[in-house]
Amino acid sequence: MLPSTPEANHSVKMLAILEQWDQASGFHTDYSEKYFFLLLFKCGMDAVVYYVWCRTHYKSLLSMCSLSIALADFVMLLYMATMWFLGVEMSVVSPCFFLANAAATYAALPLPMMVLGLLDYCLEDTCVSNHRTSCKLLRNAVLTLLVWVLAVRYSLTSVSAEPMELHDKTGVSALVCEVEESALATYFVVALFSATIFTIPLFWSSIPQWLKEADRLSDAREKHENNKSDLFVTSTPCMEAKSSEGNYLEENIKQRPPLWFSLTLGFGVFWMPYLALCVACLVLGFAVPAYISVNLLLLECANSLLIGVVFWVKSKTRGPYSHLPENVCTWRVYWHLSQGMQQKQLPVAVFNPSKGKNNSYFNV
């Protein structure tokens, strides 16, 4: 990819090389193969990310958006495979038209998906979202489809997909096409990386101890979840485990992190490698079109941020207990790292055979 001058609409453009030939030797290079393998790598990454993370919270809107991006990537892969094996003559649309509109479409996706995802999480514990799973899936599918329709419409009305020829003084010519970069994805990554880096020096000396305690809490949480019953809750072991963990934390942590920093630490531990890699590519000048930079890793990173923000806001009244989907950042562990293992009255579901599927809730 070659950089290009931004246009009046402030979108960042770059030049995608479609073909290249040497007029002196007559040597010709078709880059369809490189685009195919690039999209093949992205589809492989999509499959891994979706299998590991997205399927665990399939009821959320952002998970549906992730699935739609994975399907769109697969469609792009099929198109590039067809163009590579059968030639440009057999393709329905030109490569320039396809790549330019795909880049513009992907560039328009992150903002509405993040806004709708944030609204979805904010309404998670309210009566507005208190309906059946099938209704949620239908609602999420309709909203995701609407976002894609608007993004495609935007690309078709705003993109000029005309290939251009560039000629070098050495006699090398290239057929190029303008494709768009996702400015929002770039700003999002840089802002998160900068915010995380600037907060680390505030509590630099205590971070190793806090991370060690977070690992201990996470291990204790996993053991507790593996041992507890699905239908009945025995109060004594649970209370003893919480009491022992609380005493251990009280003895070993003299200074607890503030809640905002504890949640930031939980986010940074998992996502800093991804953010650092993206920032390194930007610093080194690697131009990445939107149909590559807008991927499932970006959406999962945004998903973690949104869940963390909503969790932080709701924890002021609900503590660590909410109906937000599970996330790779284990927000509840880092909440306990900051607030300790207080003994609070928590709602516990107790199975009542006389009421069938209905559960009665008691405070223990």
Protein backbone atom coordinates (compact mmCIF):
# COMPACT_ATOMS: atom_id res chain seq x y z
CA MET A 1 0.00 0.00 0.00
CA LEU A 2 1.14 3.52 -0.83
CA PRO A 3 0.04 6.63 1.09
CA SER A 4 -2.10 9.18 -0.65
CA THR A 5 -3.19 12.75 0.07
CA PRO A 6 -6.31 13.08 2.25
CA GLU A 7 -9.36 14.51 0.52
CA ALA A 8 -11.67 17.24 1.67
CA ASN A 9 -13.81 14.81 3.70
CA HIS A 10 -10.78 14.12 5.91
CA SER A 11 -10.77 10.40 5.12
CA VAL A 12 -7.30 8.91 4.88
CA LYS A 13 -6.61 7.34 1.50
CA MET A 14 -3.92 5.00 0.26
CA LEU A 15 -3.11 3.42 -3.07
CA ALA A 16 -3.60 -0.31 -3.50
CA ILE A 17 -1.41 -1.75 -6.27
CA LEU A 18 -3.44 -4.08 -8.50
CA GLU A 19 -0.94 -4.76 -11.29
CA GLN A 20 2.63 -3.81 -12.09
CA TRP A 21 4.71 -4.18 -15.24
CA ASP A 22 8.11 -3.23 -16.59
CA GLN A 23 7.87 -1.63 -20.02
CA ALA A 24 11.47 -2.46 -20.89
CA SER A 25 11.44 -6.18 -20.07
CA GLY A 26 7.71 -6.73 -20.42
CA PHE A 27 7.59 -8.39 -16.98
CA HIS A 28 4.05 -8.30 -15.53
CA THR A 29 2.96 -8.90 -11.93
CA ASP A 30 -0.63 -9.49 -10.81
CA TYR A 31 -1.18 -8.82 -7.09
CA SER A 32 -4.44 -10.78 -6.80
CA GLU A 33 -2.55 -13.63 -5.17
CA LYS A 34 -1.21 -11.35 -2.41
CA TYR A 35 -4.66 -9.96 -1.63
CA PHE A 36 -6.02 -13.50 -1.48
CA PHE A 37 -3.45 -14.65 1.08
CA LEU A 38 -3.88 -11.44 3.07
CA LEU A 39 -7.62 -12.06 3.34
CA LEU A 40 -7.02 -15.75 4.02
CA PHE A 41 -4.88 -14.79 7.02
CA LYS A 42 -7.60 -12.41 8.25
CA CYS A 43 -10.29 -15.08 7.92
CA GLY A 44 -8.12 -17.51 9.87
CA MET A 45 -7.67 -14.91 12.60
CA ASP A 46 -11.43 -14.28 12.58
CA ALA A 47 -12.14 -17.97 13.11
CA VAL A 48 -9.76 -18.20 16.07
CA VAL A 49 -11.00 -15.00 17.73
CA TYR A 50 -14.68 -15.86 17.28
CA TYR A 51 -14.24 -19.41 18.55
CA VAL A 52 -12.29 -18.35 21.65
CA TRP A 53 -14.23 -15.20 22.67
CA CYS A 54 -17.27 -14.14 20.70
CA ARG A 55 -19.29 -17.35 20.96
CA THR A 56 -19.26 -17.12 24.78
CA HIS A 57 -21.50 -14.02 24.70
CA TYR A 58 -23.50 -14.65 21.55
CA LYS A 59 -26.52 -12.81 22.93
CA SER A 60 -24.83 -9.40 22.75
CA LEU A 61 -25.09 -7.03 19.83
CA LEU A 62 -21.33 -6.68 19.40
CA SER A 63 -21.00 -10.45 19.14
CA MET A 64 -23.52 -10.39 16.29
CA CYS A 65 -21.49 -7.59 14.68
CA SER A 66 -18.35 -9.71 15.00
CA LEU A 67 -20.09 -12.59 13.27
CA SER A 68 -21.20 -10.29 10.44
CA ILE A 69 -17.63 -9.03 9.92
CA ALA A 70 -16.35 -12.61 9.82
CA LEU A 71 -18.95 -13.49 7.17
CA ALA A 72 -18.10 -10.38 5.14
CA ASP A 73 -14.41 -11.29 5.28
CA PHE A 74 -15.26 -14.74 3.96
CA VAL A 75 -17.21 -13.20 1.06
CA MET A 76 -14.20 -11.02 0.22
CA LEU A 77 -11.97 -14.09 0.33
CA LEU A 78 -14.24 -15.94 -2.11
CA TYR A 79 -14.20 -12.97 -4.49
CA MET A 80 -10.41 -12.69 -4.46
CA ALA A 81 -10.11 -16.45 -4.96
CA THR A 82 -12.42 -16.25 -7.98
CA MET A 83 -10.51 -13.33 -9.46
CA TRP A 84 -7.15 -15.05 -8.87
CA PHE A 85 -8.07 -18.43 -10.36
CA LEU A 86 -10.49 -17.35 -13.12
CA GLY A 87 -9.03 -13.95 -13.99
CA VAL A 88 -10.38 -10.42 -13.87
CA GLU A 89 -12.46 -11.02 -16.99
CA MET A 90 -14.70 -13.52 -15.16
CA SER A 91 -15.40 -11.30 -12.13
CA VAL A 92 -18.72 -9.48 -11.86
CA VAL A 93 -17.17 -6.18 -10.75
CA SER A 94 -13.70 -4.76 -11.23
CA PRO A 95 -11.09 -5.30 -8.49
CA CYS A 96 -10.76 -1.55 -7.96
CA PHE A 97 -14.50 -1.10 -7.47
CA PHE A 98 -14.65 -4.03 -5.07
CA LEU A 99 -11.65 -3.06 -2.92
CA ALA A 100 -12.48 0.66 -2.80
CA ASN A 101 -16.09 0.09 -1.75
CA ALA A 102 -15.11 -2.64 0.70
CA ALA A 103 -12.61 -0.30 2.39
CA ALA A 104 -15.16 2.52 2.63
CA THR A 105 -17.80 0.14 4.00
CA TYR A 106 -15.51 -1.27 6.67
CA ALA A 107 -14.35 2.24 7.63
CA ALA A 108 -17.96 3.25 8.31
CA LEU A 109 -18.71 0.27 10.58
CA PRO A 110 -16.88 0.82 13.92
CA LEU A 111 -18.65 3.97 15.16
CA PRO A 112 -22.30 2.80 14.84
CA MET A 113 -21.39 -0.67 16.10
CA MET A 114 -19.69 0.75 19.20
CA VAL A 115 -22.56 3.15 19.91
CA LEU A 116 -25.20 0.43 19.59
CA GLY A 117 -23.06 -1.96 21.62
CA LEU A 118 -22.73 0.58 24.42
CA LEU A 119 -26.49 1.17 24.41
CA ASP A 120 -27.07 -2.60 24.50
CA TYR A 121 -24.89 -2.99 27.61
CA CYS A 122 -26.40 0.04 29.34
CA LEU A 123 -29.88 -1.49 28.98
CA GLU A 124 -28.74 -4.99 29.97
CA ASP A 125 -30.06 -4.86 33.55
CA THR A 126 -33.26 -2.95 32.75
CA CYS A 127 -36.72 -4.16 31.86
CA VAL A 128 -36.21 -2.92 28.29
CA SER A 129 -33.90 -5.87 27.54
CA ASN A 130 -35.80 -8.33 29.75
CA HIS A 131 -37.22 -10.52 26.98
CA ARG A 132 -36.54 -13.88 25.42
CA THR A 133 -33.25 -14.87 23.84
CA SER A 134 -34.87 -15.34 20.43
CA CYS A 135 -36.17 -11.76 20.52
CA LYS A 136 -32.72 -10.47 21.43
CA LEU A 137 -31.12 -12.41 18.60
CA LEU A 138 -33.69 -11.08 16.12
CA ARG A 139 -33.21 -7.52 17.36
CA ASN A 140 -29.42 -7.79 17.15
CA ALA A 141 -29.60 -9.30 13.66
CA VAL A 142 -31.88 -6.51 12.41
CA LEU A 143 -29.68 -3.76 13.90
CA THR A 144 -26.52 -5.35 12.50
CA LEU A 145 -28.07 -5.66 9.06
CA LEU A 146 -29.19 -2.02 9.23
CA VAL A 147 -25.64 -0.89 10.05
CA TRP A 148 -24.28 -2.83 7.08
CA VAL A 149 -26.94 -1.46 4.71
CA LEU A 150 -26.15 2.12 5.72
CA ALA A 151 -22.39 1.51 5.43
CA VAL A 152 -22.73 -0.03 1.95
CA ARG A 153 -24.99 2.81 0.85
CA TYR A 154 -22.43 5.33 2.10
CA SER A 155 -19.62 3.63 0.18
CA LEU A 156 -21.59 3.45 -3.07
CA THR A 157 -22.43 7.16 -2.94
CA SER A 158 -19.08 8.53 -1.76
CA VAL A 159 -16.37 6.40 -3.37
CA SER A 160 -14.81 7.01 -6.76
CA ALA A 161 -13.56 3.57 -7.78
CA GLU A 162 -11.60 4.46 -10.89
CA PRO A 163 -8.21 2.74 -11.35
CA MET A 164 -5.21 4.95 -12.10
CA GLU A 165 -1.92 4.30 -13.86
CA LEU A 166 1.34 5.45 -12.30
CA HIS A 167 4.54 5.62 -14.32
CA ASP A 168 8.03 5.66 -12.83
CA LYS A 169 11.11 7.20 -14.43
CA THR A 170 12.71 3.75 -14.48
CA GLY A 171 10.02 2.50 -16.85
CA VAL A 172 7.96 0.65 -14.23
CA SER A 173 4.21 1.23 -14.42
CA ALA A 174 1.49 0.26 -11.96
CA LEU A 175 -2.28 0.10 -11.94
CA VAL A 176 -3.46 1.43 -8.58
CA CYS A 177 -6.73 2.11 -6.82
CA GLU A 178 -7.58 4.45 -3.95
CA VAL A 179 -8.76 2.66 -0.82
CA GLU A 180 -9.73 4.16 2.52
CA GLU A 181 -8.16 3.72 5.93
CA SER A 182 -10.29 3.56 9.08
CA ALA A 183 -9.41 6.80 10.86
CA LEU A 184 -11.64 5.85 13.80
CA ALA A 185 -9.78 2.57 14.31
CA THR A 186 -6.48 4.46 14.29
CA TYR A 187 -7.64 7.09 16.79
CA PHE A 188 -9.22 4.41 18.97
CA VAL A 189 -6.04 2.34 19.20
CA VAL A 190 -3.76 5.34 19.77
CA ALA A 191 -6.05 6.82 22.43
CA LEU A 192 -6.33 3.55 24.37
CA PHE A 193 -2.59 2.89 24.15
CA SER A 194 -1.73 6.42 25.30
CA ALA A 195 -4.25 6.40 28.16
CA THR A 196 -2.99 3.04 29.43
CA ILE A 197 0.68 4.03 29.17
CA PHE A 198 0.16 7.36 30.96
CA THR A 199 -1.68 5.77 33.91
CA ILE A 200 0.96 3.10 34.61
CA PRO A 201 3.56 5.44 36.25
CA LEU A 202 0.99 6.59 38.83
CA PHE A 203 1.21 3.27 40.71
CA TRP A 204 4.31 1.74 39.13
CA SER A 205 5.81 0.23 42.30
CA SER A 206 2.61 -1.55 43.37
CA ILE A 207 1.62 -3.04 40.01
CA PRO A 208 3.62 -6.32 40.33
CA GLN A 209 2.03 -7.09 43.71
CA TRP A 210 -1.46 -6.25 42.44
CA LEU A 211 -1.03 -8.47 39.39
CA LYS A 212 0.10 -11.33 41.61
CA GLU A 213 -2.95 -10.90 43.82
CA ALA A 214 -5.23 -10.70 40.76
CA ASP A 215 -3.86 -14.06 39.59
CA ARG A 216 -4.54 -15.56 43.02
CA LEU A 217 -8.10 -14.22 43.00
CA SER A 218 -8.67 -15.53 39.49
CA ASP A 219 -7.45 -19.01 40.47
CA ALA A 220 -9.64 -19.01 43.57
CA ARG A 221 -12.64 -17.91 41.49
CA GLU A 222 -12.11 -20.71 38.98
CA LYS A 223 -11.84 -23.32 41.75
CA HIS A 224 -15.00 -22.01 43.39
CA GLU A 225 -16.96 -22.10 40.12
CA ASN A 226 -15.81 -25.65 39.41
CA ASN A 227 -16.87 -26.89 42.85
CA LYS A 228 -20.21 -25.17 43.38
CA SER A 229 -23.54 -26.85 42.57
CA ASP A 230 -25.80 -25.75 39.72
CA LEU A 231 -29.00 -25.96 41.76
CA PHE A 232 -28.13 -25.53 45.42
CA VAL A 233 -25.67 -23.22 47.15
CA THR A 234 -24.08 -24.37 50.38
CA SER A 235 -23.36 -21.28 52.41
CA THR A 236 -20.62 -22.53 54.71
CA PRO A 237 -17.83 -23.38 52.18
CA CYS A 238 -18.63 -20.30 50.14
CA MET A 239 -18.48 -18.01 53.13
CA GLU A 240 -15.33 -19.69 54.42
CA ALA A 241 -13.63 -19.31 51.05
CA LYS A 242 -14.57 -15.64 50.86
CA SER A 243 -13.45 -15.10 54.44
CA SER A 244 -10.07 -16.73 53.89
CA GLU A 245 -9.51 -14.81 50.66
CA GLY A 246 -10.52 -11.58 52.35
CA ASN A 247 -8.17 -12.18 55.28
CA TYR A 248 -5.33 -13.00 52.90
CA LEU A 249 -5.89 -9.81 50.94
CA GLU A 250 -6.16 -7.70 54.07
CA GLU A 251 -2.84 -9.06 55.30
CA ASN A 252 -0.91 -8.81 52.06
CA ILE A 253 -2.25 -5.66 50.38
CA LYS A 254 -1.50 -2.56 52.39
CA GLN A 255 -2.63 -0.20 49.62
CA ARG A 256 -5.45 -1.18 47.30
CA PRO A 257 -5.64 0.32 43.81
CA PRO A 258 -8.48 2.73 43.07
CA LEU A 259 -11.30 1.03 41.22
CA TRP A 260 -10.71 2.97 37.99
CA PHE A 261 -7.03 1.99 37.96
CA SER A 262 -7.77 -1.61 38.90
CA LEU A 263 -10.12 -1.94 35.92
CA THR A 264 -7.60 -0.15 33.68
CA LEU A 265 -4.98 -2.64 34.83
CA GLY A 266 -7.27 -5.54 33.97
CA PHE A 267 -7.82 -4.10 30.50
CA GLY A 268 -4.16 -3.34 29.86
CA VAL A 269 -2.87 -6.75 30.95
CA PHE A 270 -4.79 -8.43 28.16
CA TRP A 271 -4.93 -5.84 25.39
CA MET A 272 -1.61 -3.97 25.60
CA PRO A 273 0.21 -6.43 23.25
CA TYR A 274 -2.44 -5.86 20.55
CA LEU A 275 -2.44 -2.08 21.06
CA ALA A 276 1.36 -1.93 21.06
CA LEU A 277 1.53 -3.90 17.81
CA CYS A 278 -0.98 -1.58 16.12
CA VAL A 279 0.87 1.54 17.31
CA ALA A 280 4.18 0.07 16.13
CA CYS A 281 2.71 -0.43 12.64
CA LEU A 282 1.56 3.19 12.63
CA VAL A 283 4.96 4.48 13.75
CA LEU A 284 6.76 2.40 11.10
CA GLY A 285 4.43 3.75 8.42
CA PHE A 286 2.67 0.50 7.51
CA ALA A 287 -0.49 1.58 5.70
CA VAL A 288 -3.41 -0.75 6.43
CA PRO A 289 -6.73 -0.44 4.55
CA ALA A 290 -9.98 -0.49 6.49
CA TYR A 291 -11.00 -3.97 5.33
CA ILE A 292 -7.94 -5.29 7.20
CA SER A 293 -7.73 -2.96 10.23
CA VAL A 294 -11.44 -3.35 11.07
CA ASN A 295 -11.34 -6.92 12.33
CA LEU A 296 -12.57 -9.06 15.18
CA LEU A 297 -9.61 -8.16 17.40
CA LEU A 298 -10.49 -4.47 17.13
CA LEU A 299 -14.15 -5.18 17.86
CA GLU A 300 -13.31 -7.42 20.83
CA CYS A 301 -10.98 -4.73 22.20
CA ALA A 302 -13.79 -2.19 21.90
CA ASN A 303 -16.14 -4.73 23.46
CA SER A 304 -13.84 -5.10 26.48
CA LEU A 305 -13.64 -1.32 26.86
CA LEU A 306 -17.42 -0.87 26.70
CA ILE A 307 -18.11 -3.68 29.16
CA GLY A 308 -15.46 -2.27 31.50
CA VAL A 309 -16.94 1.24 31.42
CA VAL A 310 -20.50 0.01 32.00
CA PHE A 311 -19.28 -2.38 34.70
CA TRP A 312 -17.46 0.49 36.45
CA VAL A 313 -20.55 2.72 36.38
CA LYS A 314 -22.96 0.00 37.53
CA SER A 315 -20.59 -1.29 40.22
CA LYS A 316 -21.29 1.82 42.29
CA THR A 317 -24.79 0.47 42.98
CA ARG A 318 -24.58 -3.23 42.11
CA GLY A 319 -21.03 -4.06 43.12
CA PRO A 320 -19.44 -6.70 40.90
CA TYR A 321 -22.78 -8.38 40.18
CA SER A 322 -24.49 -7.53 36.92
CA HIS A 323 -25.88 -9.30 33.88
CA LEU A 324 -23.09 -8.15 31.58
CA PRO A 325 -21.54 -10.96 29.50
CA GLU A 326 -18.31 -12.60 30.59
CA ASN A 327 -15.22 -10.95 29.18
CA VAL A 328 -11.55 -11.78 28.78
CA CYS A 329 -10.62 -8.98 31.19
CA THR A 330 -12.31 -10.64 34.23
CA TRP A 331 -13.70 -7.38 35.61
CA ARG A 332 -15.07 -9.00 38.78
CA VAL A 333 -11.60 -10.16 39.81
CA TYR A 334 -10.19 -6.66 39.49
CA TRP A 335 -13.18 -5.21 41.32
CA HIS A 336 -12.38 -7.46 44.30
CA LEU A 337 -8.72 -6.49 43.98
CA SER A 338 -9.74 -2.87 44.55
CA GLN A 339 -12.66 -3.23 46.95
CA GLY A 340 -11.72 -6.40 48.83
CA MET A 341 -13.91 -9.40 49.64
CA GLN A 342 -16.66 -7.65 51.57
CA GLN A 343 -19.47 -9.72 52.97
CA LYS A 344 -22.57 -8.45 51.23
CA GLN A 345 -26.05 -9.83 50.89
CA LEU A 346 -26.07 -11.38 47.46
CA PRO A 347 -29.10 -12.79 45.63
CA VAL A 348 -28.77 -16.56 45.28
CA ALA A 349 -31.03 -18.67 43.11
CA VAL A 350 -32.62 -21.62 44.94
CA PHE A 351 -34.43 -24.27 42.98
CA ASN A 352 -38.07 -24.77 44.02
CA PRO A 353 -39.58 -27.98 42.57
CA SER A 354 -43.15 -26.82 43.23
CA LYS A 355 -42.74 -23.86 40.86
CA GLY A 356 -41.23 -25.71 37.96
CA LYS A 357 -38.97 -23.43 35.98
CA ASN A 358 -39.50 -20.42 38.24
CA ASN A 359 -36.70 -19.69 40.69
CA SER A 360 -37.06 -18.01 44.07
CA TYR A 361 -34.36 -15.59 45.16
CA PHE A 362 -33.20 -15.25 48.74
CA ASN A 363 -30.55 -13.12 50.37
CA VAL A 364 -27.80 -15.05 52.11
